C-alpha cells in the first residue's frame, strides 16, 4: 500500500500507454493520487495528476473543461507547496488557454519563455522538454512549419526528457510530420535531408504500431499521407488521410481529427480539387469547434496566438 501511488504512476505513465488507449489511465491516475495522499507519498500523488493532465490534453477532452480541471490541479499543487510539479502542469494550462483564445493569457502565469527560464534555472529537463514540445504542438496546429522546424532542430531529442512516457512518442510523430512538411517546401539537398529525418522517426512509429500501440495508429496514417504527398503518390495520400480522420474520430482525438482534416484540405487545395478541399475544411472547423479551439474557428488560423 505504501508504494501504490508510485506503482500506478510508473505503470500507467510509462507502460500502459504502449498498448492501451490513453483514456484507460484516467481513473487509475486518480486512484494513484488518492493513494499517495493517504500514505503521505505526495510526490507520486502529484506525478499521477501531472501525467493525467497530459493524457487528458491528447484525448479530446473539451478545452473548457480541461482548463477548469488543470486550474484545480494547480491550486492543489500550490497548497502542497510542490512547485516543480506545478511548473510541469502550467504549460498545459497555457496551451489550453491559447487554443481557446483567452485574453491576457500570460498575466497570471507568464508565457512559455518565462516557464522555460524557470525550468533551465532549476535544471528541470523534464519540464524544459514539456514547454518546448507544447510550443511545437501549437506551431503545428497553426501550420507554421518553418518555425516548428527551427524549434525541432534547436530542441534536440526531446524523447530523452520523457523516457518511456507518451510525450516521447508524441514528439516522434511530430518530428516525422514536421520533417515531411518542410521537405515538401524544400528543394534538392534540403528536401532529402528532411525526408531522411522524417523516415527515421516514422520507422519508430511503425514499429510501435506493429507492437500494438493503439495511440499511434492515426498518427501513422497522418505521417504516411504526408510522405505520400512528398513522393507524389496521390492515391496513397488520399487513402491515408481518410484513414487518419476515421481512426482519430474513433479514438476520440479531436485535435488530431481536426489536424488530419486540415492537412487533407491543404493537399486537395494544391490539387485544385475544391470539393474535397471544402469538405475537409468543414470537417476541420467542426472538430476544432467541438474541441473548443475557438480562435481557429473564428479566425481560420491560430498564428496570432502563438507568436
C-alpha atoms as a PDB file:
ATOM      1  CA  UNK A   1       0.000   0.000   0.000  1.00  0.00           C
ATOM      2  CA  UNK A   2       2.888   2.352   0.792  1.00  0.00           C
ATOM      3  CA  UNK A   3       4.128   2.270  -2.806  1.00  0.00           C
ATOM      4  CA  UNK A   4       0.725   2.113  -4.524  1.00  0.00           C
ATOM      5  CA  UNK A   5       0.856   5.681  -5.843  1.00  0.00           C
ATOM      6  CA  UNK A   6       4.356   5.252  -7.227  1.00  0.00           C
ATOM      7  CA  UNK A   7       3.431   1.931  -8.821  1.00  0.00           C
ATOM      8  CA  UNK A   8       0.369   3.424 -10.526  1.00  0.00           C
ATOM      9  CA  UNK A   9       2.358   6.410 -11.792  1.00  0.00           C
ATOM     10  CA  UNK A  10       5.071   4.202 -13.284  1.00  0.00           C
ATOM     11  CA  UNK A  11       2.751   1.545 -14.722  1.00  0.00           C
ATOM     12  CA  UNK A  12       0.193   3.944 -16.208  1.00  0.00           C
ATOM     13  CA  UNK A  13       2.678   6.662 -17.171  1.00  0.00           C
ATOM     14  CA  UNK A  14       5.465   4.535 -18.626  1.00  0.00           C
ATOM     15  CA  UNK A  15       3.970   1.146 -19.535  1.00  0.00           C
ATOM     16  CA  UNK A  16       0.242   1.035 -20.245  1.00  0.00           C
ATOM     17  CA  UNK A  17       0.166   3.697 -22.971  1.00  0.00           C
ATOM     18  CA  UNK A  18       2.253   1.414 -25.188  1.00  0.00           C
ATOM     19  CA  UNK A  19      -0.684  -0.956 -25.663  1.00  0.00           C
ATOM     20  CA  UNK A  20      -3.807   0.610 -24.104  1.00  0.00           C
ATOM     21  CA  UNK A  21      -5.764   3.766 -25.012  1.00  0.00           C
ATOM     22  CA  UNK A  22      -4.778   6.837 -23.022  1.00  0.00           C
ATOM     23  CA  UNK A  23      -8.358   7.105 -21.744  1.00  0.00           C
ATOM     24  CA  UNK A  24      -7.963   3.833 -19.829  1.00  0.00           C
ATOM     25  CA  UNK A  25      -5.473   5.522 -17.486  1.00  0.00           C
ATOM     26  CA  UNK A  26      -7.748   8.387 -16.362  1.00  0.00           C
ATOM     27  CA  UNK A  27      -9.320   6.535 -13.416  1.00  0.00           C
ATOM     28  CA  UNK A  28      -6.132   4.767 -12.254  1.00  0.00           C
ATOM     29  CA  UNK A  29      -4.274   8.092 -12.077  1.00  0.00           C
ATOM     30  CA  UNK A  30      -6.956   9.469  -9.746  1.00  0.00           C
ATOM     31  CA  UNK A  31      -6.663   6.340  -7.595  1.00  0.00           C
ATOM     32  CA  UNK A  32      -2.905   6.844  -7.530  1.00  0.00           C
ATOM     33  CA  UNK A  33      -3.339  10.439  -6.447  1.00  0.00           C
ATOM     34  CA  UNK A  34      -5.702   9.428  -3.625  1.00  0.00           C
ATOM     35  CA  UNK A  35      -3.401   6.602  -2.514  1.00  0.00           C
ATOM     36  CA  UNK A  36      -0.440   8.969  -2.411  1.00  0.00           C
ATOM     37  CA  UNK A  37      -2.285  11.425  -0.181  1.00  0.00           C
ATOM     38  CA  UNK A  38      -3.381   8.636   2.152  1.00  0.00           C
ATOM     39  CA  UNK A  39       0.157   7.240   2.524  1.00  0.00           C
ATOM     40  CA  UNK A  40       1.993  10.572   2.581  1.00  0.00           C
ATOM     41  CA  UNK A  41       3.615   9.990  -0.821  1.00  0.00           C
ATOM     42  CA  UNK A  42       2.622  13.408  -2.162  1.00  0.00           C
ATOM     43  CA  UNK A  43       5.349  13.365  -4.810  1.00  0.00           C
ATOM     44  CA  UNK A  44       3.933  10.251  -6.502  1.00  0.00           C
ATOM     45  CA  UNK A  45       0.393  11.539  -5.989  1.00  0.00           C
ATOM     46  CA  UNK A  46       1.230  14.695  -7.899  1.00  0.00           C
ATOM     47  CA  UNK A  47       3.053  12.815 -10.624  1.00  0.00           C
ATOM     48  CA  UNK A  48      -0.248  10.990 -11.200  1.00  0.00           C
ATOM     49  CA  UNK A  49      -2.024  14.339 -11.569  1.00  0.00           C
ATOM     50  CA  UNK A  50       0.658  15.700 -13.896  1.00  0.00           C
ATOM     51  CA  UNK A  51       0.563  12.776 -16.318  1.00  0.00           C
ATOM     52  CA  UNK A  52      -3.238  12.578 -16.157  1.00  0.00           C
ATOM     53  CA  UNK A  53      -3.238  16.191 -17.297  1.00  0.00           C
ATOM     54  CA  UNK A  54      -1.099  15.259 -20.316  1.00  0.00           C
ATOM     55  CA  UNK A  55      -3.352  12.345 -21.240  1.00  0.00           C
ATOM     56  CA  UNK A  56      -6.486  14.487 -20.987  1.00  0.00           C
ATOM     57  CA  UNK A  57      -4.943  17.030 -23.352  1.00  0.00           C
ATOM     58  CA  UNK A  58      -4.288  14.388 -26.026  1.00  0.00           C
ATOM     59  CA  UNK A  59      -7.575  12.521 -25.629  1.00  0.00           C
ATOM     60  CA  UNK A  60     -10.002  15.084 -26.998  1.00  0.00           C
ATOM     61  CA  UNK A  61     -11.238  16.401 -23.668  1.00  0.00           C
ATOM     62  CA  UNK A  62     -13.172  19.660 -24.003  1.00  0.00           C
ATOM     63  CA  UNK A  63     -10.687  22.523 -23.672  1.00  0.00           C
ATOM     64  CA  UNK A  64     -13.073  24.473 -21.461  1.00  0.00           C
ATOM     65  CA  UNK A  65     -13.465  21.553 -19.059  1.00  0.00           C
ATOM     66  CA  UNK A  66      -9.768  20.796 -19.258  1.00  0.00           C
ATOM     67  CA  UNK A  67      -8.911  24.366 -18.302  1.00  0.00           C
ATOM     68  CA  UNK A  68     -11.064  24.080 -15.181  1.00  0.00           C
ATOM     69  CA  UNK A  69      -9.531  20.739 -14.226  1.00  0.00           C
ATOM     70  CA  UNK A  70      -5.931  21.867 -14.730  1.00  0.00           C
ATOM     71  CA  UNK A  71      -6.625  25.042 -12.748  1.00  0.00           C
ATOM     72  CA  UNK A  72      -7.864  22.835  -9.899  1.00  0.00           C
ATOM     73  CA  UNK A  73      -4.660  20.785 -10.101  1.00  0.00           C
ATOM     74  CA  UNK A  74      -2.592  23.953  -9.903  1.00  0.00           C
ATOM     75  CA  UNK A  75      -4.452  25.042  -6.766  1.00  0.00           C
ATOM     76  CA  UNK A  76      -3.794  21.627  -5.214  1.00  0.00           C
ATOM     77  CA  UNK A  77      -0.100  21.712  -6.101  1.00  0.00           C
ATOM     78  CA  UNK A  78       0.199  25.219  -4.678  1.00  0.00           C
ATOM     79  CA  UNK A  79      -1.391  24.100  -1.407  1.00  0.00           C
ATOM     80  CA  UNK A  80       1.010  21.167  -1.218  1.00  0.00           C
ATOM     81  CA  UNK A  81       3.914  23.525  -1.986  1.00  0.00           C
ATOM     82  CA  UNK A  82       5.138  21.306  -4.824  1.00  0.00           C
ATOM     83  CA  UNK A  83       6.470  23.951  -7.166  1.00  0.00           C
ATOM     84  CA  UNK A  84       8.245  21.611  -9.595  1.00  0.00           C
ATOM     85  CA  UNK A  85       5.012  19.709 -10.273  1.00  0.00           C
ATOM     86  CA  UNK A  86       3.141  22.976 -10.633  1.00  0.00           C
ATOM     87  CA  UNK A  87       5.674  24.124 -13.230  1.00  0.00           C
ATOM     88  CA  UNK A  88       5.072  20.865 -15.077  1.00  0.00           C
ATOM     89  CA  UNK A  89       1.313  21.452 -15.332  1.00  0.00           C
ATOM     90  CA  UNK A  90       1.341  25.192 -16.093  1.00  0.00           C
ATOM     91  CA  UNK A  91       2.500  24.781 -19.748  1.00  0.00           C
ATOM     92  CA  UNK A  92      -0.577  22.671 -20.484  1.00  0.00           C
ATOM     93  CA  UNK A  93      -2.847  25.299 -18.954  1.00  0.00           C
ATOM     94  CA  UNK A  94      -1.167  27.981 -21.062  1.00  0.00           C
ATOM     95  CA  UNK A  95      -1.551  25.884 -24.227  1.00  0.00           C
ATOM     96  CA  UNK A  96      -5.235  25.272 -23.495  1.00  0.00           C
ATOM     97  CA  UNK A  97      -5.910  28.955 -22.860  1.00  0.00           C
ATOM     98  CA  UNK A  98      -4.116  29.969 -26.052  1.00  0.00           C
ATOM     99  CA  UNK A  99      -6.148  27.459 -28.038  1.00  0.00           C
ATOM    100  CA  UNK A 100      -9.336  28.840 -26.514  1.00  0.00           C
ATOM    101  CA  UNK A 101      -8.301  32.406 -27.343  1.00  0.00           C
ATOM    102  CA  UNK A 102      -8.414  33.579 -23.723  1.00  0.00           C
ATOM    103  CA  UNK A 103      -7.427  37.248 -23.470  1.00  0.00           C
ATOM    104  CA  UNK A 104      -4.469  38.319 -21.321  1.00  0.00           C
ATOM    105  CA  UNK A 105      -3.446  34.696 -21.004  1.00  0.00           C
ATOM    106  CA  UNK A 106       0.028  35.451 -19.656  1.00  0.00           C
ATOM    107  CA  UNK A 107      -0.842  37.943 -16.935  1.00  0.00           C
ATOM    108  CA  UNK A 108      -1.156  35.467 -14.068  1.00  0.00           C
ATOM    109  CA  UNK A 109       1.185  32.647 -15.066  1.00  0.00           C
ATOM    110  CA  UNK A 110       3.640  34.172 -17.552  1.00  0.00           C
ATOM    111  CA  UNK A 111       4.385  32.928 -21.052  1.00  0.00           C
ATOM    112  CA  UNK A 112       6.304  29.916 -22.313  1.00  0.00           C
ATOM    113  CA  UNK A 113       9.549  31.907 -22.223  1.00  0.00           C
ATOM    114  CA  UNK A 114       9.070  32.623 -18.514  1.00  0.00           C
ATOM    115  CA  UNK A 115       8.336  28.980 -17.791  1.00  0.00           C
ATOM    116  CA  UNK A 116      11.304  27.835 -19.853  1.00  0.00           C
ATOM    117  CA  UNK A 117      13.596  30.178 -17.936  1.00  0.00           C
ATOM    118  CA  UNK A 118      12.469  28.630 -14.634  1.00  0.00           C
ATOM    119  CA  UNK A 119      12.973  25.097 -15.985  1.00  0.00           C
ATOM    120  CA  UNK A 120      16.509  25.905 -17.128  1.00  0.00           C
ATOM    121  CA  UNK A 121      17.422  27.725 -13.909  1.00  0.00           C
ATOM    122  CA  UNK A 122      16.198  24.800 -11.789  1.00  0.00           C
ATOM    123  CA  UNK A 123      17.813  22.205 -14.056  1.00  0.00           C
ATOM    124  CA  UNK A 124      14.470  20.509 -14.717  1.00  0.00           C
ATOM    125  CA  UNK A 125      14.994  18.794 -18.077  1.00  0.00           C
ATOM    126  CA  UNK A 126      11.546  17.168 -17.969  1.00  0.00           C
ATOM    127  CA  UNK A 127       9.734  20.496 -17.677  1.00  0.00           C
ATOM    128  CA  UNK A 128      12.007  22.045 -20.300  1.00  0.00           C
ATOM    129  CA  UNK A 129      11.001  19.286 -22.683  1.00  0.00           C
ATOM    130  CA  UNK A 130       7.284  19.758 -21.989  1.00  0.00           C
ATOM    131  CA  UNK A 131       7.455  23.504 -22.579  1.00  0.00           C
ATOM    132  CA  UNK A 132       9.338  23.269 -25.868  1.00  0.00           C
ATOM    133  CA  UNK A 133       7.177  20.388 -27.026  1.00  0.00           C
ATOM    134  CA  UNK A 134       3.896  22.218 -26.378  1.00  0.00           C
ATOM    135  CA  UNK A 135       5.142  25.259 -28.270  1.00  0.00           C
ATOM    136  CA  UNK A 136       5.923  22.924 -31.146  1.00  0.00           C
ATOM    137  CA  UNK A 137       2.411  21.456 -30.925  1.00  0.00           C
ATOM    138  CA  UNK A 138       0.864  24.898 -31.236  1.00  0.00           C
ATOM    139  CA  UNK A 139       3.068  25.787 -34.193  1.00  0.00           C
ATOM    140  CA  UNK A 140       1.915  22.599 -35.921  1.00  0.00           C
ATOM    141  CA  UNK A 141      -1.736  23.500 -35.298  1.00  0.00           C
ATOM    142  CA  UNK A 142      -1.070  26.956 -36.746  1.00  0.00           C
ATOM    143  CA  UNK A 143       0.709  25.344 -39.734  1.00  0.00           C
ATOM    144  CA  UNK A 144       3.856  27.382 -39.110  1.00  0.00           C
ATOM    145  CA  UNK A 145       6.157  24.661 -40.404  1.00  0.00           C
ATOM    146  CA  UNK A 146       9.219  26.897 -40.698  1.00  0.00           C
ATOM    147  CA  UNK A 147       9.207  27.939 -37.048  1.00  0.00           C
ATOM    148  CA  UNK A 148       8.254  24.422 -35.979  1.00  0.00           C
ATOM    149  CA  UNK A 149      11.280  23.021 -37.824  1.00  0.00           C
ATOM    150  CA  UNK A 150      13.568  25.617 -36.264  1.00  0.00           C
ATOM    151  CA  UNK A 151      12.326  24.660 -32.810  1.00  0.00           C
ATOM    152  CA  UNK A 152      12.634  20.967 -33.667  1.00  0.00           C
ATOM    153  CA  UNK A 153      16.304  21.344 -34.539  1.00  0.00           C
ATOM    154  CA  UNK A 154      17.059  23.607 -31.586  1.00  0.00           C
ATOM    155  CA  UNK A 155      15.302  21.366 -29.058  1.00  0.00           C
ATOM    156  CA  UNK A 156      17.304  18.235 -29.788  1.00  0.00           C
ATOM    157  CA  UNK A 157      15.925  14.790 -28.951  1.00  0.00           C
ATOM    158  CA  UNK A 158      13.041  15.528 -26.576  1.00  0.00           C
ATOM    159  CA  UNK A 159      12.398  11.791 -26.133  1.00  0.00           C
ATOM    160  CA  UNK A 160      15.201  11.894 -23.577  1.00  0.00           C
ATOM    161  CA  UNK A 161      13.177  14.248 -21.389  1.00  0.00           C
ATOM    162  CA  UNK A 162      10.309  11.737 -21.252  1.00  0.00           C
ATOM    163  CA  UNK A 163      11.911   8.262 -21.075  1.00  0.00           C
ATOM    164  CA  UNK A 164       9.189   5.689 -21.583  1.00  0.00           C
ATOM    165  CA  UNK A 165       6.481   8.343 -21.492  1.00  0.00           C
ATOM    166  CA  UNK A 166       3.809   9.229 -24.030  1.00  0.00           C
ATOM    167  CA  UNK A 167       5.243  12.676 -24.700  1.00  0.00           C
ATOM    168  CA  UNK A 168       8.292  10.973 -26.207  1.00  0.00           C
ATOM    169  CA  UNK A 169       6.001   9.025 -28.525  1.00  0.00           C
ATOM    170  CA  UNK A 170       4.093  12.152 -29.490  1.00  0.00           C
ATOM    171  CA  UNK A 171       7.340  14.033 -30.124  1.00  0.00           C
ATOM    172  CA  UNK A 172       8.485  11.303 -32.509  1.00  0.00           C
ATOM    173  CA  UNK A 173       5.258  11.637 -34.508  1.00  0.00           C
ATOM    174  CA  UNK A 174       5.612  15.427 -34.715  1.00  0.00           C
ATOM    175  CA  UNK A 175       9.256  15.015 -35.689  1.00  0.00           C
ATOM    176  CA  UNK A 176       8.194  12.954 -38.706  1.00  0.00           C
ATOM    177  CA  UNK A 177       5.286  15.234 -39.636  1.00  0.00           C
ATOM    178  CA  UNK A 178       7.283  18.459 -39.434  1.00  0.00           C
ATOM    179  CA  UNK A 179      10.157  16.898 -41.368  1.00  0.00           C
ATOM    180  CA  UNK A 180       7.911  15.784 -44.235  1.00  0.00           C
ATOM    181  CA  UNK A 181       6.128  19.152 -44.410  1.00  0.00           C
ATOM    182  CA  UNK A 182       9.420  21.053 -44.539  1.00  0.00           C
ATOM    183  CA  UNK A 183      10.744  18.604 -47.144  1.00  0.00           C
ATOM    184  CA  UNK A 184       7.720  19.402 -49.316  1.00  0.00           C
ATOM    185  CA  UNK A 185       8.689  23.080 -49.208  1.00  0.00           C
ATOM    186  CA  UNK A 186      12.404  22.479 -49.776  1.00  0.00           C
ATOM    187  CA  UNK A 187      14.478  21.795 -52.850  1.00  0.00           C
ATOM    188  CA  UNK A 188      17.369  19.500 -53.638  1.00  0.00           C
ATOM    189  CA  UNK A 189      19.608  18.740 -50.631  1.00  0.00           C
ATOM    190  CA  UNK A 190      17.213  20.200 -48.090  1.00  0.00           C
ATOM    191  CA  UNK A 191      14.389  18.013 -49.339  1.00  0.00           C
ATOM    192  CA  UNK A 192      16.454  14.832 -48.998  1.00  0.00           C
ATOM    193  CA  UNK A 193      17.806  15.822 -45.570  1.00  0.00           C
ATOM    194  CA  UNK A 194      14.355  16.421 -44.110  1.00  0.00           C
ATOM    195  CA  UNK A 195      12.898  13.358 -45.810  1.00  0.00           C
ATOM    196  CA  UNK A 196      15.577  11.132 -44.261  1.00  0.00           C
ATOM    197  CA  UNK A 197      14.901  12.620 -40.852  1.00  0.00           C
ATOM    198  CA  UNK A 198      11.174  12.070 -41.253  1.00  0.00           C
ATOM    199  CA  UNK A 199      11.561   8.465 -42.362  1.00  0.00           C
ATOM    200  CA  UNK A 200      13.814   7.735 -39.381  1.00  0.00           C
ATOM    201  CA  UNK A 201      11.130   8.978 -36.964  1.00  0.00           C
ATOM    202  CA  UNK A 202       8.363   7.300 -38.957  1.00  0.00           C
ATOM    203  CA  UNK A 203      10.033   3.910 -38.640  1.00  0.00           C
ATOM    204  CA  UNK A 204       9.878   4.191 -34.867  1.00  0.00           C
ATOM    205  CA  UNK A 205       6.151   4.949 -35.050  1.00  0.00           C
ATOM    206  CA  UNK A 206       5.651   1.994 -37.413  1.00  0.00           C
ATOM    207  CA  UNK A 207       7.478  -0.348 -35.022  1.00  0.00           C
ATOM    208  CA  UNK A 208       5.342   0.808 -32.083  1.00  0.00           C
ATOM    209  CA  UNK A 209       2.146   0.394 -34.084  1.00  0.00           C
ATOM    210  CA  UNK A 210       3.128  -3.152 -35.057  1.00  0.00           C
ATOM    211  CA  UNK A 211       3.697  -3.962 -31.374  1.00  0.00           C
ATOM    212  CA  UNK A 212       0.165  -2.893 -30.525  1.00  0.00           C
ATOM    213  CA  UNK A 213       0.344   0.809 -29.638  1.00  0.00           C
ATOM    214  CA  UNK A 214      -3.208   1.915 -30.405  1.00  0.00           C
ATOM    215  CA  UNK A 215      -2.405   5.557 -29.638  1.00  0.00           C
ATOM    216  CA  UNK A 216      -0.173   5.993 -32.690  1.00  0.00           C
ATOM    217  CA  UNK A 217      -2.279   4.393 -35.432  1.00  0.00           C
ATOM    218  CA  UNK A 218      -3.999   7.593 -36.569  1.00  0.00           C
ATOM    219  CA  UNK A 219      -0.696   9.476 -36.265  1.00  0.00           C
ATOM    220  CA  UNK A 220       0.956   6.907 -38.507  1.00  0.00           C
ATOM    221  CA  UNK A 221      -1.781   7.445 -41.109  1.00  0.00           C
ATOM    222  CA  UNK A 222      -1.209  11.223 -40.974  1.00  0.00           C
ATOM    223  CA  UNK A 223       2.544  10.803 -41.367  1.00  0.00           C
ATOM    224  CA  UNK A 224       2.137   8.235 -44.147  1.00  0.00           C
ATOM    225  CA  UNK A 225      -0.178  10.608 -46.003  1.00  0.00           C
ATOM    226  CA  UNK A 226       2.362  13.431 -45.877  1.00  0.00           C
ATOM    227  CA  UNK A 227       5.168  11.142 -47.041  1.00  0.00           C
ATOM    228  CA  UNK A 228       2.939  10.101 -49.939  1.00  0.00           C
ATOM    229  CA  UNK A 229       2.324  13.783 -50.749  1.00  0.00           C
ATOM    230  CA  UNK A 230       6.081  14.329 -50.757  1.00  0.00           C
ATOM    231  CA  UNK A 231       6.564  11.373 -53.096  1.00  0.00           C
ATOM    232  CA  UNK A 232       3.620  12.451 -55.293  1.00  0.00           C
ATOM    233  CA  UNK A 233       1.630   9.295 -54.622  1.00  0.00           C
ATOM    234  CA  UNK A 234      -1.820  10.844 -54.678  1.00  0.00           C
ATOM    235  CA  UNK A 235      -3.977   7.762 -54.130  1.00  0.00           C
ATOM    236  CA  UNK A 236      -1.894   6.627 -51.169  1.00  0.00           C
ATOM    237  CA  UNK A 237      -2.048  10.103 -49.637  1.00  0.00           C
ATOM    238  CA  UNK A 238      -5.839  10.280 -50.038  1.00  0.00           C
ATOM    239  CA  UNK A 239      -6.358   6.811 -48.534  1.00  0.00           C
ATOM    240  CA  UNK A 240      -4.201   7.631 -45.522  1.00  0.00           C
ATOM    241  CA  UNK A 241      -5.876  10.990 -44.915  1.00  0.00           C
ATOM    242  CA  UNK A 242      -9.238   9.217 -44.957  1.00  0.00           C
ATOM    243  CA  UNK A 243      -7.995   6.566 -42.516  1.00  0.00           C
ATOM    244  CA  UNK A 244      -6.417   9.188 -40.258  1.00  0.00           C
ATOM    245  CA  UNK A 245      -9.717  11.039 -39.888  1.00  0.00           C
ATOM    246  CA  UNK A 246     -11.623   7.812 -39.272  1.00  0.00           C
ATOM    247  CA  UNK A 247      -9.238   6.377 -36.662  1.00  0.00           C
ATOM    248  CA  UNK A 248      -8.735   9.683 -34.854  1.00  0.00           C
ATOM    249  CA  UNK A 249     -12.511  10.056 -34.584  1.00  0.00           C
ATOM    250  CA  UNK A 250     -12.849   6.512 -33.258  1.00  0.00           C
ATOM    251  CA  UNK A 251     -10.107   7.171 -30.688  1.00  0.00           C
ATOM    252  CA  UNK A 252     -11.744  10.416 -29.569  1.00  0.00           C
ATOM    253  CA  UNK A 253      -8.725  12.506 -30.522  1.00  0.00           C
ATOM    254  CA  UNK A 254     -10.499  15.644 -31.707  1.00  0.00           C
ATOM    255  CA  UNK A 255      -7.359  17.724 -32.253  1.00  0.00           C
ATOM    256  CA  UNK A 256      -5.787  15.033 -34.424  1.00  0.00           C
ATOM    257  CA  UNK A 257      -9.023  14.533 -36.319  1.00  0.00           C
ATOM    258  CA  UNK A 258      -9.025  18.274 -36.987  1.00  0.00           C
ATOM    259  CA  UNK A 259      -5.354  18.195 -37.975  1.00  0.00           C
ATOM    260  CA  UNK A 260      -5.935  15.297 -40.388  1.00  0.00           C
ATOM    261  CA  UNK A 261      -8.806  17.198 -41.990  1.00  0.00           C
ATOM    262  CA  UNK A 262      -6.714  20.358 -42.243  1.00  0.00           C
ATOM    263  CA  UNK A 263      -3.724  18.599 -43.806  1.00  0.00           C
ATOM    264  CA  UNK A 264      -6.072  16.877 -46.262  1.00  0.00           C
ATOM    265  CA  UNK A 265      -7.635  20.252 -47.095  1.00  0.00           C
ATOM    266  CA  UNK A 266      -4.190  21.663 -47.894  1.00  0.00           C
ATOM    267  CA  UNK A 267      -3.397  18.684 -50.133  1.00  0.00           C
ATOM    268  CA  UNK A 268      -6.655  18.811 -52.099  1.00  0.00           C
ATOM    269  CA  UNK A 269      -6.295  22.589 -52.489  1.00  0.00           C
ATOM    270  CA  UNK A 270      -2.942  22.110 -54.218  1.00  0.00           C
ATOM    271  CA  UNK A 271      -4.611  19.558 -56.499  1.00  0.00           C
ATOM    272  CA  UNK A 272      -7.315  22.032 -57.447  1.00  0.00           C
ATOM    273  CA  UNK A 273      -9.995  19.721 -56.027  1.00  0.00           C
ATOM    274  CA  UNK A 274     -12.307  22.278 -54.427  1.00  0.00           C
ATOM    275  CA  UNK A 275     -14.988  19.767 -53.466  1.00  0.00           C
ATOM    276  CA  UNK A 276     -12.758  17.718 -51.179  1.00  0.00           C
ATOM    277  CA  UNK A 277     -10.841  20.777 -50.012  1.00  0.00           C
ATOM    278  CA  UNK A 278     -14.105  22.338 -48.823  1.00  0.00           C
ATOM    279  CA  UNK A 279     -15.218  19.030 -47.308  1.00  0.00           C
ATOM    280  CA  UNK A 280     -12.070  18.753 -45.188  1.00  0.00           C
ATOM    281  CA  UNK A 281     -12.114  22.441 -44.299  1.00  0.00           C
ATOM    282  CA  UNK A 282     -15.591  21.975 -42.865  1.00  0.00           C
ATOM    283  CA  UNK A 283     -14.507  18.821 -41.038  1.00  0.00           C
ATOM    284  CA  UNK A 284     -11.528  20.593 -39.518  1.00  0.00           C
ATOM    285  CA  UNK A 285     -13.596  23.521 -38.301  1.00  0.00           C
ATOM    286  CA  UNK A 286     -16.225  21.242 -36.794  1.00  0.00           C
ATOM    287  CA  UNK A 287     -13.619  19.190 -34.923  1.00  0.00           C
ATOM    288  CA  UNK A 288     -11.817  22.266 -33.608  1.00  0.00           C
ATOM    289  CA  UNK A 289     -15.160  23.757 -32.562  1.00  0.00           C
ATOM    290  CA  UNK A 290     -16.118  20.581 -30.706  1.00  0.00           C
ATOM    291  CA  UNK A 291     -12.712  20.550 -29.000  1.00  0.00           C
ATOM    292  CA  UNK A 292     -13.154  24.192 -28.037  1.00  0.00           C
ATOM    293  CA  UNK A 293     -10.350  25.796 -30.056  1.00  0.00           C
ATOM    294  CA  UNK A 294     -12.386  28.946 -30.624  1.00  0.00           C
ATOM    295  CA  UNK A 295      -9.581  31.039 -32.109  1.00  0.00           C
ATOM    296  CA  UNK A 296      -9.211  28.665 -35.041  1.00  0.00           C
ATOM    297  CA  UNK A 297     -12.936  28.537 -35.704  1.00  0.00           C
ATOM    298  CA  UNK A 298     -13.341  32.308 -35.530  1.00  0.00           C
ATOM    299  CA  UNK A 299     -10.173  33.433 -37.295  1.00  0.00           C
ATOM    300  CA  UNK A 300      -9.483  30.454 -39.584  1.00  0.00           C
ATOM    301  CA  UNK A 301      -5.934  30.458 -38.232  1.00  0.00           C
ATOM    302  CA  UNK A 302      -4.074  30.250 -34.953  1.00  0.00           C
ATOM    303  CA  UNK A 303      -0.840  32.013 -35.801  1.00  0.00           C
ATOM    304  CA  UNK A 304      -1.520  35.227 -33.947  1.00  0.00           C
ATOM    305  CA  UNK A 305      -1.933  33.354 -30.667  1.00  0.00           C
ATOM    306  CA  UNK A 306       1.345  31.526 -30.723  1.00  0.00           C
ATOM    307  CA  UNK A 307       3.858  34.233 -31.503  1.00  0.00           C
END
